[in-house]
Amino acid sequence: MSFGIYAVDHVQIAVPRALEKESIAFYRDVLGLAEIEKPADMKGRGGAWFAAGNVQLHIGLDPEGSPPSKRHVCFLVADLDEARAKAQAAGLAIEKDGPAEGLIRIFIRDPAGNRVEIGQRTDG
């Protein structure tokens, strides 16, 4: 059985309403993602949308946070050493780094505790 899926349009993560501003600032100012305008009928819900290449990251609001887990989004970079240095300069804890199937990577957490993978392709 196949649904005929050919691409990913967006990924949504959730942050608690109390950490909305800090979380949006993290993705915009620390990671440097481009914030895109939400449709007018969705602005009242809070959160924010960001572009990462052809895929969007949507931040939705939950009343409370979720416990830390392994679920994550992976952002690709051209230079992992530079990204690691910027993460350290921003005071972010790096949980784990190591290769995985043609990818060298590090893991950090956003202000709401969402796991974020930063990776660099090594397989061309």
PDB file of N, CA and C in Angstrom:
ATOM      1  N   MET A   1       0.844  -1.176   0.000  1.00  0.00           N
ATOM      2  CA  MET A   1       0.000   0.000   0.000  1.00  0.00           C
ATOM      3  C   MET A   1       0.891   1.241   0.000  1.00  0.00           C
ATOM      4  N   SER A   2       0.549   2.239  -0.765  1.00  0.00           N
ATOM      5  CA  SER A   2       1.296   3.490  -0.814  1.00  0.00           C
ATOM      6  C   SER A   2       0.330   4.657  -0.859  1.00  0.00           C
ATOM      7  N   PHE A   3       0.611   5.665  -0.078  1.00  0.00           N
ATOM      8  CA  PHE A   3      -0.187   6.882  -0.108  1.00  0.00           C
ATOM      9  C   PHE A   3       0.246   7.800  -1.241  1.00  0.00           C
ATOM     10  N   GLY A   4       1.397   7.531  -1.845  1.00  0.00           N
ATOM     11  CA  GLY A   4       1.925   8.391  -2.892  1.00  0.00           C
ATOM     12  C   GLY A   4       2.636   9.628  -2.355  1.00  0.00           C
ATOM     13  N   ILE A   5       3.163   9.531  -1.140  1.00  0.00           N
ATOM     14  CA  ILE A   5       3.860  10.671  -0.531  1.00  0.00           C
ATOM     15  C   ILE A   5       5.129  10.956  -1.313  1.00  0.00           C
ATOM     16  N   TYR A   6       5.360  12.243  -1.627  1.00  0.00           N
ATOM     17  CA  TYR A   6       6.545  12.600  -2.395  1.00  0.00           C
ATOM     18  C   TYR A   6       7.422  13.651  -1.715  1.00  0.00           C
ATOM     19  N   ALA A   7       6.982  14.225  -0.615  1.00  0.00           N
ATOM     20  CA  ALA A   7       7.791  15.240   0.066  1.00  0.00           C
ATOM     21  C   ALA A   7       7.225  15.518   1.450  1.00  0.00           C
ATOM     22  N   VAL A   8       8.016  16.218   2.258  1.00  0.00           N
ATOM     23  CA  VAL A   8       7.559  16.719   3.552  1.00  0.00           C
ATOM     24  C   VAL A   8       7.310  18.210   3.385  1.00  0.00           C
ATOM     25  N   ASP A   9       6.130  18.680   3.752  1.00  0.00           N
ATOM     26  CA  ASP A   9       5.778  20.092   3.668  1.00  0.00           C
ATOM     27  C   ASP A   9       6.205  20.837   4.923  1.00  0.00           C
ATOM     28  N   HIS A  10       5.832  20.288   6.094  1.00  0.00           N
ATOM     29  CA  HIS A  10       6.210  20.923   7.349  1.00  0.00           C
ATOM     30  C   HIS A  10       6.248  19.898   8.468  1.00  0.00           C
ATOM     31  N   VAL A  11       6.935  20.284   9.517  1.00  0.00           N
ATOM     32  CA  VAL A  11       6.998  19.519  10.759  1.00  0.00           C
ATOM     33  C   VAL A  11       6.532  20.471  11.844  1.00  0.00           C
ATOM     34  N   GLN A  12       5.684  19.987  12.734  1.00  0.00           N
ATOM     35  CA  GLN A  12       5.234  20.828  13.848  1.00  0.00           C
ATOM     36  C   GLN A  12       5.778  20.279  15.145  1.00  0.00           C
ATOM     37  N   ILE A  13       6.290  21.184  15.946  1.00  0.00           N
ATOM     38  CA  ILE A  13       6.699  20.839  17.303  1.00  0.00           C
ATOM     39  C   ILE A  13       5.796  21.608  18.250  1.00  0.00           C
ATOM     40  N   ALA A  14       5.763  21.186  19.495  1.00  0.00           N
ATOM     41  CA  ALA A  14       4.926  21.858  20.487  1.00  0.00           C
ATOM     42  C   ALA A  14       5.805  22.411  21.594  1.00  0.00           C
ATOM     43  N   VAL A  15       5.433  23.595  22.056  1.00  0.00           N
ATOM     44  CA  VAL A  15       6.088  24.203  23.208  1.00  0.00           C
ATOM     45  C   VAL A  15       4.991  24.672  24.162  1.00  0.00           C
ATOM     46  N   PRO A  16       5.280  24.722  25.445  1.00  0.00           N
ATOM     47  CA  PRO A  16       4.265  25.237  26.361  1.00  0.00           C
ATOM     48  C   PRO A  16       4.071  26.739  26.150  1.00  0.00           C
ATOM     49  N   ARG A  17       2.849  27.183  26.311  1.00  0.00           N
ATOM     50  CA  ARG A  17       2.524  28.600  26.118  1.00  0.00           C
ATOM     51  C   ARG A  17       3.474  29.504  26.924  1.00  0.00           C
ATOM     52  N   ALA A  18       3.854  29.069  28.118  1.00  0.00           N
ATOM     53  CA  ALA A  18       4.723  29.887  28.977  1.00  0.00           C
ATOM     54  C   ALA A  18       6.119  30.089  28.382  1.00  0.00           C
ATOM     55  N   LEU A  19       6.526  29.228  27.450  1.00  0.00           N
ATOM     56  CA  LEU A  19       7.856  29.340  26.841  1.00  0.00           C
ATOM     57  C   LEU A  19       7.787  29.745  25.375  1.00  0.00           C
ATOM     58  N   GLU A  20       6.650  30.292  24.960  1.00  0.00           N
ATOM     59  CA  GLU A  20       6.467  30.659  23.548  1.00  0.00           C
ATOM     60  C   GLU A  20       7.533  31.646  23.076  1.00  0.00           C
ATOM     61  N   LYS A  21       7.710  32.756  23.770  1.00  0.00           N
ATOM     62  CA  LYS A  21       8.655  33.790  23.323  1.00  0.00           C
ATOM     63  C   LYS A  21      10.077  33.272  23.281  1.00  0.00           C
ATOM     64  N   GLU A  22      10.500  32.558  24.317  1.00  0.00           N
ATOM     65  CA  GLU A  22      11.858  32.030  24.361  1.00  0.00           C
ATOM     66  C   GLU A  22      12.093  31.007  23.252  1.00  0.00           C
ATOM     67  N   SER A  23      11.091  30.195  22.983  1.00  0.00           N
ATOM     68  CA  SER A  23      11.224  29.165  21.954  1.00  0.00           C
ATOM     69  C   SER A  23      11.295  29.782  20.559  1.00  0.00           C
ATOM     70  N   ILE A  24      10.440  30.764  20.298  1.00  0.00           N
ATOM     71  CA  ILE A  24      10.472  31.441  19.000  1.00  0.00           C
ATOM     72  C   ILE A  24      11.825  32.136  18.817  1.00  0.00           C
ATOM     73  N   ALA A  25      12.310  32.795  19.850  1.00  0.00           N
ATOM     74  CA  ALA A  25      13.612  33.467  19.770  1.00  0.00           C
ATOM     75  C   ALA A  25      14.729  32.455  19.505  1.00  0.00           C
ATOM     76  N   PHE A  26      14.648  31.272  20.083  1.00  0.00           N
ATOM     77  CA  PHE A  26      15.657  30.237  19.867  1.00  0.00           C
ATOM     78  C   PHE A  26      15.740  29.869  18.389  1.00  0.00           C
ATOM     79  N   TYR A  27      14.614  29.562  17.786  1.00  0.00           N
ATOM     80  CA  TYR A  27      14.627  29.131  16.381  1.00  0.00           C
ATOM     81  C   TYR A  27      14.979  30.286  15.434  1.00  0.00           C
ATOM     82  N   ARG A  28      14.548  31.484  15.775  1.00  0.00           N
ATOM     83  CA  ARG A  28      14.820  32.643  14.917  1.00  0.00           C
ATOM     84  C   ARG A  28      16.230  33.186  15.149  1.00  0.00           C
ATOM     85  N   ASP A  29      16.578  33.462  16.393  1.00  0.00           N
ATOM     86  CA  ASP A  29      17.810  34.186  16.695  1.00  0.00           C
ATOM     87  C   ASP A  29      19.016  33.286  16.925  1.00  0.00           C
ATOM     88  N   VAL A  30      18.821  32.131  17.549  1.00  0.00           N
ATOM     89  CA  VAL A  30      19.949  31.239  17.812  1.00  0.00           C
ATOM     90  C   VAL A  30      20.223  30.354  16.598  1.00  0.00           C
ATOM     91  N   LEU A  31      19.196  29.643  16.116  1.00  0.00           N
ATOM     92  CA  LEU A  31      19.408  28.776  14.954  1.00  0.00           C
ATOM     93  C   LEU A  31      19.427  29.559  13.643  1.00  0.00           C
ATOM     94  N   GLY A  32      18.829  30.733  13.634  1.00  0.00           N
ATOM     95  CA  GLY A  32      18.862  31.565  12.431  1.00  0.00           C
ATOM     96  C   GLY A  32      17.869  31.180  11.358  1.00  0.00           C
ATOM     97  N   LEU A  33      16.777  30.497  11.732  1.00  0.00           N
ATOM     98  CA  LEU A  33      15.753  30.160  10.747  1.00  0.00           C
ATOM     99  C   LEU A  33      14.964  31.406  10.370  1.00  0.00           C
ATOM    100  N   ALA A  34      14.520  31.453   9.132  1.00  0.00           N
ATOM    101  CA  ALA A  34      13.733  32.590   8.652  1.00  0.00           C
ATOM    102  C   ALA A  34      12.281  32.423   9.074  1.00  0.00           C
ATOM    103  N   GLU A  35      11.782  33.370   9.854  1.00  0.00           N
ATOM    104  CA  GLU A  35      10.372  33.318  10.269  1.00  0.00           C
ATOM    105  C   GLU A  35       9.503  33.747   9.090  1.00  0.00           C
ATOM    106  N   ILE A  36       8.451  32.991   8.860  1.00  0.00           N
ATOM    107  CA  ILE A  36       7.522  33.312   7.775  1.00  0.00           C
ATOM    108  C   ILE A  36       6.161  33.652   8.379  1.00  0.00           C
ATOM    109  N   GLU A  37       5.435  34.483   7.686  1.00  0.00           N
ATOM    110  CA  GLU A  37       4.143  34.928   8.211  1.00  0.00           C
ATOM    111  C   GLU A  37       3.123  33.802   8.174  1.00  0.00           C
ATOM    112  N   LYS A  38       2.426  33.655   9.287  1.00  0.00           N
ATOM    113  CA  LYS A  38       1.336  32.682   9.355  1.00  0.00           C
ATOM    114  C   LYS A  38       0.114  33.272   8.668  1.00  0.00           C
ATOM    115  N   PRO A  39      -0.746  32.418   8.135  1.00  0.00           N
ATOM    116  CA  PRO A  39      -1.998  32.932   7.566  1.00  0.00           C
ATOM    117  C   PRO A  39      -2.786  33.699   8.630  1.00  0.00           C
ATOM    118  N   ALA A  40      -3.510  34.732   8.203  1.00  0.00           N
ATOM    119  CA  ALA A  40      -4.235  35.609   9.127  1.00  0.00           C
ATOM    120  C   ALA A  40      -5.152  34.833  10.067  1.00  0.00           C
ATOM    121  N   ASP A  41      -5.826  33.812   9.557  1.00  0.00           N
ATOM    122  CA  ASP A  41      -6.771  33.073  10.395  1.00  0.00           C
ATOM    123  C   ASP A  41      -6.092  32.167  11.418  1.00  0.00           C
ATOM    124  N   MET A  42      -4.761  32.037  11.362  1.00  0.00           N
ATOM    125  CA  MET A  42      -4.042  31.182  12.310  1.00  0.00           C
ATOM    126  C   MET A  42      -3.184  31.977  13.291  1.00  0.00           C
ATOM    127  N   LYS A  43      -3.044  33.266  13.085  1.00  0.00           N
ATOM    128  CA  LYS A  43      -2.180  34.074  13.947  1.00  0.00           C
ATOM    129  C   LYS A  43      -2.645  34.077  15.403  1.00  0.00           C
ATOM    130  N   GLY A  44      -3.938  34.033  15.628  1.00  0.00           N
ATOM    131  CA  GLY A  44      -4.478  34.071  16.979  1.00  0.00           C
ATOM    132  C   GLY A  44      -4.145  32.850  17.815  1.00  0.00           C
ATOM    133  N   ARG A  45      -3.685  31.800  17.186  1.00  0.00           N
ATOM    134  CA  ARG A  45      -3.334  30.569  17.910  1.00  0.00           C
ATOM    135  C   ARG A  45      -1.977  30.657  18.591  1.00  0.00           C
ATOM    136  N   GLY A  46      -1.189  31.680  18.243  1.00  0.00           N
ATOM    137  CA  GLY A  46       0.158  31.785  18.788  1.00  0.00           C
ATOM    138  C   GLY A  46       1.129  30.912  18.029  1.00  0.00           C
ATOM    139  N   GLY A  47       2.322  30.801  18.567  1.00  0.00           N
ATOM    140  CA  GLY A  47       3.357  30.031  17.896  1.00  0.00           C
ATOM    141  C   GLY A  47       3.947  30.804  16.729  1.00  0.00           C
ATOM    142  N   ALA A  48       4.667  30.108  15.872  1.00  0.00           N
ATOM    143  CA  ALA A  48       5.322  30.746  14.734  1.00  0.00           C
ATOM    144  C   ALA A  48       5.649  29.691  13.688  1.00  0.00           C
ATOM    145  N   TRP A  49       5.890  30.168  12.473  1.00  0.00           N
ATOM    146  CA  TRP A  49       6.325  29.298  11.377  1.00  0.00           C
ATOM    147  C   TRP A  49       7.683  29.771  10.887  1.00  0.00           C
ATOM    148  N   PHE A  50       8.516  28.805  10.519  1.00  0.00           N
ATOM    149  CA  PHE A  50       9.855  29.090  10.020  1.00  0.00           C
ATOM    150  C   PHE A  50      10.104  28.289   8.751  1.00  0.00           C
ATOM    151  N   ALA A  51      10.974  28.819   7.901  1.00  0.00           N
ATOM    152  CA  ALA A  51      11.380  28.106   6.693  1.00  0.00           C
ATOM    153  C   ALA A  51      12.779  27.544   6.901  1.00  0.00           C
ATOM    154  N   ALA A  52      12.945  26.307   6.475  1.00  0.00           N
ATOM    155  CA  ALA A  52      14.254  25.644   6.474  1.00  0.00           C
ATOM    156  C   ALA A  52      14.381  24.975   5.115  1.00  0.00           C
ATOM    157  N   GLY A  53      14.891  25.706   4.145  1.00  0.00           N
ATOM    158  CA  GLY A  53      14.912  25.193   2.772  1.00  0.00           C
ATOM    159  C   GLY A  53      13.494  25.092   2.261  1.00  0.00           C
ATOM    160  N   ASN A  54      13.145  23.937   1.725  1.00  0.00           N
ATOM    161  CA  ASN A  54      11.804  23.712   1.186  1.00  0.00           C
ATOM    162  C   ASN A  54      10.817  23.184   2.218  1.00  0.00           C
ATOM    163  N   VAL A  55      11.259  23.032   3.451  1.00  0.00           N
ATOM    164  CA  VAL A  55      10.412  22.483   4.511  1.00  0.00           C
ATOM    165  C   VAL A  55      10.167  23.575   5.550  1.00  0.00           C
ATOM    166  N   GLN A  56       8.992  23.571   6.117  1.00  0.00           N
ATOM    167  CA  GLN A  56       8.674  24.525   7.169  1.00  0.00           C
ATOM    168  C   GLN A  56       8.674  23.828   8.529  1.00  0.00           C
ATOM    169  N   LEU A  57       9.049  24.594   9.542  1.00  0.00           N
ATOM    170  CA  LEU A  57       8.941  24.163  10.926  1.00  0.00           C
ATOM    171  C   LEU A  57       7.873  25.035  11.560  1.00  0.00           C
ATOM    172  N   HIS A  58       6.839  24.410  12.092  1.00  0.00           N
ATOM    173  CA  HIS A  58       5.762  25.138  12.759  1.00  0.00           C
ATOM    174  C   HIS A  58       5.890  24.908  14.260  1.00  0.00           C
ATOM    175  N   ILE A  59       5.796  25.991  15.015  1.00  0.00           N
ATOM    176  CA  ILE A  59       5.778  25.888  16.468  1.00  0.00           C
ATOM    177  C   ILE A  59       4.346  26.099  16.912  1.00  0.00           C
ATOM    178  N   GLY A  60       3.781  25.067  17.528  1.00  0.00           N
ATOM    179  CA  GLY A  60       2.441  25.141  18.078  1.00  0.00           C
ATOM    180  C   GLY A  60       2.518  25.225  19.588  1.00  0.00           C
ATOM    181  N   LEU A  61       1.444  25.690  20.205  1.00  0.00           N
ATOM    182  CA  LEU A  61       1.434  25.865  21.648  1.00  0.00           C
ATOM    183  C   LEU A  61       0.595  24.799  22.323  1.00  0.00           C
ATOM    184  N   ASP A  62       1.138  24.274  23.403  1.00  0.00           N
ATOM    185  CA  ASP A  62       0.419  23.356  24.276  1.00  0.00           C
ATOM    186  C   ASP A  62       0.290  24.040  25.640  1.00  0.00           C
ATOM    187  N   PRO A  63      -0.743  23.695  26.391  1.00  0.00           N
ATOM    188  CA  PRO A  63      -0.877  24.314  27.716  1.00  0.00           C
ATOM    189  C   PRO A  63       0.314  24.004  28.625  1.00  0.00           C
ATOM    190  N   GLU A  64       0.862  22.797  28.506  1.00  0.00           N
ATOM    191  CA  GLU A  64       1.979  22.368  29.343  1.00  0.00           C
ATOM    192  C   GLU A  64       3.045  21.759  28.454  1.00  0.00           C
ATOM    193  N   GLY A  65       4.221  21.553  29.009  1.00  0.00           N
ATOM    194  CA  GLY A  65       5.315  20.944  28.266  1.00  0.00           C
ATOM    195  C   GLY A  65       5.197  19.439  28.203  1.00  0.00           C
ATOM    196  N   SER A  66       6.072  18.850  27.439  1.00  0.00           N
ATOM    197  CA  SER A  66       6.168  17.396  27.330  1.00  0.00           C
ATOM    198  C   SER A  66       7.480  16.956  27.952  1.00  0.00           C
ATOM    199  N   PRO A  67       7.536  15.744  28.466  1.00  0.00           N
ATOM    200  CA  PRO A  67       8.803  15.277  29.028  1.00  0.00           C
ATOM    201  C   PRO A  67       9.844  15.121  27.915  1.00  0.00           C
ATOM    202  N   PRO A  68      11.122  15.316  28.252  1.00  0.00           N
ATOM    203  CA  PRO A  68      12.163  15.130  27.242  1.00  0.00           C
ATOM    204  C   PRO A  68      12.082  13.735  26.622  1.00  0.00           C
ATOM    205  N   SER A  69      12.353  13.681  25.330  1.00  0.00           N
ATOM    206  CA  SER A  69      12.320  12.399  24.638  1.00  0.00           C
ATOM    207  C   SER A  69      13.361  12.408  23.528  1.00  0.00           C
ATOM    208  N   LYS A  70      13.426  11.311  22.802  1.00  0.00           N
ATOM    209  CA  LYS A  70      14.359  11.209  21.688  1.00  0.00           C
ATOM    210  C   LYS A  70      13.787  11.777  20.391  1.00  0.00           C
ATOM    211  N   ARG A  71      12.477  12.054  20.335  1.00  0.00           N
ATOM    212  CA  ARG A  71      11.916  12.588  19.091  1.00  0.00           C
ATOM    213  C   ARG A  71      12.574  13.930  18.793  1.00  0.00           C
ATOM    214  N   HIS A  72      12.781  14.186  17.516  1.00  0.00           N
ATOM    215  CA  HIS A  72      13.519  15.391  17.149  1.00  0.00           C
ATOM    216  C   HIS A  72      13.344  15.713  15.669  1.00  0.00           C
ATOM    217  N   VAL A  73      13.787  16.908  15.330  1.00  0.00           N
ATOM    218  CA  VAL A  73      13.915  17.328  13.946  1.00  0.00           C
ATOM    219  C   VAL A  73      15.417  17.469  13.705  1.00  0.00           C
ATOM    220  N   CYS A  74      15.853  17.177  12.481  1.00  0.00           N
ATOM    221  CA  CYS A  74      17.273  17.293  12.139  1.00  0.00           C
ATOM    222  C   CYS A  74      17.442  18.396  11.101  1.00  0.00           C
ATOM    223  N   PHE A  75      18.275  19.372  11.413  1.00  0.00           N
ATOM    224  CA  PHE A  75      18.621  20.434  10.478  1.00  0.00           C
ATOM    225  C   PHE A  75      20.010  20.155   9.932  1.00  0.00           C
ATOM    226  N   LEU A  76      20.174  20.260   8.620  1.00  0.00           N
ATOM    227  CA  LEU A  76      21.471  20.040   7.995  1.00  0.00           C
ATOM    228  C   LEU A  76      22.237  21.347   7.886  1.00  0.00           C
ATOM    229  N   VAL A  77      23.543  21.260   8.113  1.00  0.00           N
ATOM    230  CA  VAL A  77      24.441  22.401   7.973  1.00  0.00           C
ATOM    231  C   VAL A  77      25.616  21.989   7.089  1.00  0.00           C
ATOM    232  N   ALA A  78      26.286  22.982   6.525  1.00  0.00           N
ATOM    233  CA  ALA A  78      27.458  22.705   5.690  1.00  0.00           C
ATOM    234  C   ALA A  78      28.701  22.473   6.528  1.00  0.00           C
ATOM    235  N   ASP A  79      28.749  23.027   7.751  1.00  0.00           N
ATOM    236  CA  ASP A  79      29.946  22.947   8.593  1.00  0.00           C
ATOM    237  C   ASP A  79      29.530  22.674  10.038  1.00  0.00           C
ATOM    238  N   LEU A  80      29.614  21.420  10.436  1.00  0.00           N
ATOM    239  CA  LEU A  80      29.188  21.043  11.790  1.00  0.00           C
ATOM    240  C   LEU A  80      30.096  21.634  12.859  1.00  0.00           C
ATOM    241  N   ASP A  81      31.391  21.741  12.584  1.00  0.00           N
ATOM    242  CA  ASP A  81      32.296  22.336  13.575  1.00  0.00           C
ATOM    243  C   ASP A  81      31.893  23.774  13.886  1.00  0.00           C
ATOM    244  N   GLU A  82      31.517  24.523  12.856  1.00  0.00           N
ATOM    245  CA  GLU A  82      31.074  25.899  13.058  1.00  0.00           C
ATOM    246  C   GLU A  82      29.765  25.934  13.851  1.00  0.00           C
ATOM    247  N   ALA A  83      28.840  25.047  13.516  1.00  0.00           N
ATOM    248  CA  ALA A  83      27.569  24.989  14.241  1.00  0.00           C
ATOM    249  C   ALA A  83      27.799  24.603  15.701  1.00  0.00           C
ATOM    250  N   ARG A  84      28.703  23.655  15.944  1.00  0.00           N
ATOM    251  CA  ARG A  84      29.011  23.252  17.318  1.00  0.00           C
ATOM    252  C   ARG A  84      29.584  24.434  18.100  1.00  0.00           C
ATOM    253  N   ALA A  85      30.500  25.173  17.488  1.00  0.00           N
ATOM    254  CA  ALA A  85      31.109  26.335  18.160  1.00  0.00           C
ATOM    255  C   ALA A  85      30.046  27.390  18.478  1.00  0.00           C
ATOM    256  N   LYS A  86      29.110  27.613  17.562  1.00  0.00           N
ATOM    257  CA  LYS A  86      28.045  28.584  17.800  1.00  0.00           C
ATOM    258  C   LYS A  86      27.105  28.107  18.904  1.00  0.00           C
ATOM    259  N   ALA A  87      26.832  26.813  18.951  1.00  0.00           N
ATOM    260  CA  ALA A  87      25.987  26.256  20.013  1.00  0.00           C
ATOM    261  C   ALA A  87      26.661  26.454  21.367  1.00  0.00           C
ATOM    262  N   GLN A  88      27.957  26.184  21.421  1.00  0.00           N
ATOM    263  CA  GLN A  88      28.689  26.354  22.677  1.00  0.00           C
ATOM    264  C   GLN A  88      28.749  27.829  23.078  1.00  0.00           C
ATOM    265  N   ALA A  89      28.954  28.719  22.104  1.00  0.00           N
ATOM    266  CA  ALA A  89      29.007  30.155  22.389  1.00  0.00           C
ATOM    267  C   ALA A  89      27.666  30.662  22.910  1.00  0.00           C
ATOM    268  N   ALA A  90      26.570  30.021  22.478  1.00  0.00           N
ATOM    269  CA  ALA A  90      25.227  30.396  22.940  1.00  0.00           C
ATOM    270  C   ALA A  90      24.892  29.755  24.278  1.00  0.00           C
ATOM    271  N   GLY A  91      25.820  28.976  24.823  1.00  0.00           N
ATOM    272  CA  GLY A  91      25.599  28.347  26.121  1.00  0.00           C
ATOM    273  C   GLY A  91      24.728  27.105  26.071  1.00  0.00           C
ATOM    274  N   LEU A  92      24.578  26.517  24.882  1.00  0.00           N
ATOM    275  CA  LEU A  92      23.740  25.328  24.740  1.00  0.00           C
ATOM    276  C   LEU A  92      24.524  24.077  25.092  1.00  0.00           C
ATOM    277  N   ALA A  93      23.898  23.187  25.837  1.00  0.00           N
ATOM    278  CA  ALA A  93      24.518  21.909  26.159  1.00  0.00           C
ATOM    279  C   ALA A  93      24.417  20.995  24.942  1.00  0.00           C
ATOM    280  N   ILE A  94      25.511  20.350  24.619  1.00  0.00           N
ATOM    281  CA  ILE A  94      25.519  19.384  23.523  1.00  0.00           C
ATOM    282  C   ILE A  94      25.400  18.008  24.150  1.00  0.00           C
ATOM    283  N   GLU A  95      24.296  17.323  23.833  1.00  0.00           N
ATOM    284  CA  GLU A  95      23.996  16.044  24.485  1.00  0.00           C
ATOM    285  C   GLU A  95      24.839  14.895  23.959  1.00  0.00           C
ATOM    286  N   LYS A  96      25.027  14.871  22.656  1.00  0.00           N
ATOM    287  CA  LYS A  96      25.662  13.698  22.078  1.00  0.00           C
ATOM    288  C   LYS A  96      26.051  14.075  20.668  1.00  0.00           C
ATOM    289  N   ASP A  97      27.217  13.640  20.256  1.00  0.00           N
ATOM    290  CA  ASP A  97      27.518  13.794  18.849  1.00  0.00           C
ATOM    291  C   ASP A  97      28.230  12.551  18.379  1.00  0.00           C
ATOM    292  N   GLY A  98      28.051  12.219  17.150  1.00  0.00           N
ATOM    293  CA  GLY A  98      28.650  11.036  16.579  1.00  0.00           C
ATOM    294  C   GLY A  98      28.014  10.752  15.233  1.00  0.00           C
ATOM    295  N   PRO A  99      28.640   9.895  14.456  1.00  0.00           N
ATOM    296  CA  PRO A  99      28.134   9.618  13.104  1.00  0.00           C
ATOM    297  C   PRO A  99      26.910   8.703  13.111  1.00  0.00           C
ATOM    298  N   ALA A 100      26.131   8.823  12.053  1.00  0.00           N
ATOM    299  CA  ALA A 100      24.981   7.935  11.851  1.00  0.00           C
ATOM    300  C   ALA A 100      24.634   7.941  10.368  1.00  0.00           C
ATOM    301  N   GLU A 101      24.927   6.849   9.701  1.00  0.00           N
ATOM    302  CA  GLU A 101      24.540   6.679   8.298  1.00  0.00           C
ATOM    303  C   GLU A 101      24.870   7.882   7.434  1.00  0.00           C
ATOM    304  N   GLY A 102      26.164   8.215   7.309  1.00  0.00           N
ATOM    305  CA  GLY A 102      26.580   9.302   6.448  1.00  0.00           C
ATOM    306  C   GLY A 102      26.319  10.682   7.005  1.00  0.00           C
ATOM    307  N   LEU A 103      26.135  10.772   8.313  1.00  0.00           N
ATOM    308  CA  LEU A 103      25.814  12.046   8.946  1.00  0.00           C
ATOM    309  C   LEU A 103      26.634  12.175  10.224  1.00  0.00           C
ATOM    310  N   ILE A 104      27.373  13.282  10.347  1.00  0.00           N
ATOM    311  CA  ILE A 104      27.968  13.595  11.643  1.00  0.00           C
ATOM    312  C   ILE A 104      27.020  14.607  12.282  1.00  0.00           C
ATOM    313  N   ARG A 105      26.873  14.553  13.620  1.00  0.00           N
ATOM    314  CA  ARG A 105      25.782  15.314  14.213  1.00  0.00           C
ATOM    315  C   ARG A 105      26.026  15.651  15.669  1.00  0.00           C
ATOM    316  N   ILE A 106      25.252  16.619  16.119  1.00  0.00           N
ATOM    317  CA  ILE A 106      25.173  16.960  17.537  1.00  0.00           C
ATOM    318  C   ILE A 106      23.692  17.099  17.879  1.00  0.00           C
ATOM    319  N   PHE A 107      23.394  17.030  19.158  1.00  0.00           N
ATOM    320  CA  PHE A 107      22.033  17.235  19.641  1.00  0.00           C
ATOM    321  C   PHE A 107      22.033  18.347  20.681  1.00  0.00           C
ATOM    322  N   ILE A 108      21.050  19.229  20.572  1.00  0.00           N
ATOM    323  CA  ILE A 108      20.839  20.287  21.545  1.00  0.00           C
ATOM    324  C   ILE A 108      19.353  20.275  21.898  1.00  0.00           C
ATOM    325  N   ARG A 109      18.960  21.110  22.830  1.00  0.00           N
ATOM    326  CA  ARG A 109      17.541  21.220  23.197  1.00  0.00           C
ATOM    327  C   ARG A 109      17.111  22.678  23.121  1.00  0.00           C
ATOM    328  N   ASP A 110      15.858  22.885  22.673  1.00  0.00           N
ATOM    329  CA  ASP A 110      15.306  24.238  22.658  1.00  0.00           C
ATOM    330  C   ASP A 110      14.841  24.592  24.073  1.00  0.00           C
ATOM    331  N   PRO A 111      14.412  25.818  24.326  1.00  0.00           N
ATOM    332  CA  PRO A 111      14.000  26.202  25.685  1.00  0.00           C
ATOM    333  C   PRO A 111      12.877  25.353  26.266  1.00  0.00           C
ATOM    334  N   ALA A 112      12.072  24.718  25.413  1.00  0.00           N
ATOM    335  CA  ALA A 112      10.976  23.874  25.887  1.00  0.00           C
ATOM    336  C   ALA A 112      11.411  22.418  26.080  1.00  0.00           C
ATOM    337  N   GLY A 113      12.677  22.121  25.800  1.00  0.00           N
ATOM    338  CA  GLY A 113      13.174  20.761  25.971  1.00  0.00           C
ATOM    339  C   GLY A 113      13.062  19.895  24.735  1.00  0.00           C
ATOM    340  N   ASN A 114      12.591  20.445  23.611  1.00  0.00           N
ATOM    341  CA  ASN A 114      12.536  19.663  22.370  1.00  0.00           C
ATOM    342  C   ASN A 114      13.951  19.382  21.887  1.00  0.00           C
ATOM    343  N   ARG A 115      14.190  18.150  21.490  1.00  0.00           N
ATOM    344  CA  ARG A 115      15.504  17.744  21.006  1.00  0.00           C
ATOM    345  C   ARG A 115      15.673  18.230  19.562  1.00  0.00           C
ATOM    346  N   VAL A 116      16.834  18.799  19.262  1.00  0.00           N
ATOM    347  CA  VAL A 116      17.148  19.307  17.931  1.00  0.00           C
ATOM    348  C   VAL A 116      18.481  18.704  17.503  1.00  0.00           C
ATOM    349  N   GLU A 117      18.467  18.034  16.361  1.00  0.00           N
ATOM    350  CA  GLU A 117      19.687  17.472  15.797  1.00  0.00           C
ATOM    351  C   GLU A 117      20.217  18.438  14.757  1.00  0.00           C
ATOM    352  N   ILE A 118      21.532  18.674  14.802  1.00  0.00           N
ATOM    353  CA  ILE A 118      22.219  19.471  13.797  1.00  0.00           C
ATOM    354  C   ILE A 118      23.215  18.529  13.139  1.00  0.00           C
ATOM    355  N   GLY A 119      23.079  18.336  11.821  1.00  0.00           N
ATOM    356  CA  GLY A 119      23.924  17.356  11.154  1.00  0.00           C
ATOM    357  C   GLY A 119      24.575  17.867   9.890  1.00  0.00           C
ATOM    358  N   GLN A 120      25.678  17.211   9.557  1.00  0.00           N
ATOM    359  CA  GLN A 120      26.404  17.489   8.319  1.00  0.00           C
ATOM    360  C   GLN A 120      26.551  16.195   7.563  1.00  0.00           C
ATOM    361  N   ARG A 121      26.140  16.168   6.302  1.00  0.00           N
ATOM    362  CA  ARG A 121      26.254  14.979   5.465  1.00  0.00           C
ATOM    363  C   ARG A 121      27.706  14.702   5.128  1.00  0.00           C
ATOM    364  N   THR A 122      28.095  13.437   5.189  1.00  0.00           N
ATOM    365  CA  THR A 122      29.458  13.028   4.833  1.00  0.00           C
ATOM    366  C   THR A 122      29.453  12.095   3.631  1.00  0.00           C
ATOM    367  N   ASP A 123      28.259  11.808   3.124  1.00  0.00           N
ATOM    368  CA  ASP A 123      28.147  10.837   2.025  1.00  0.00           C
ATOM    369  C   ASP A 123      27.871  11.509   0.684  1.00  0.00           C
ATOM    370  N   GLY A 124      28.317  12.740   0.546  1.00  0.00           N
ATOM    371  CA  GLY A 124      28.201  13.427  -0.746  1.00  0.00           C
ATOM    372  C   GLY A 124      26.974  14.160  -0.883  1.00  0.00           C
TER     373      GLY A 124
END
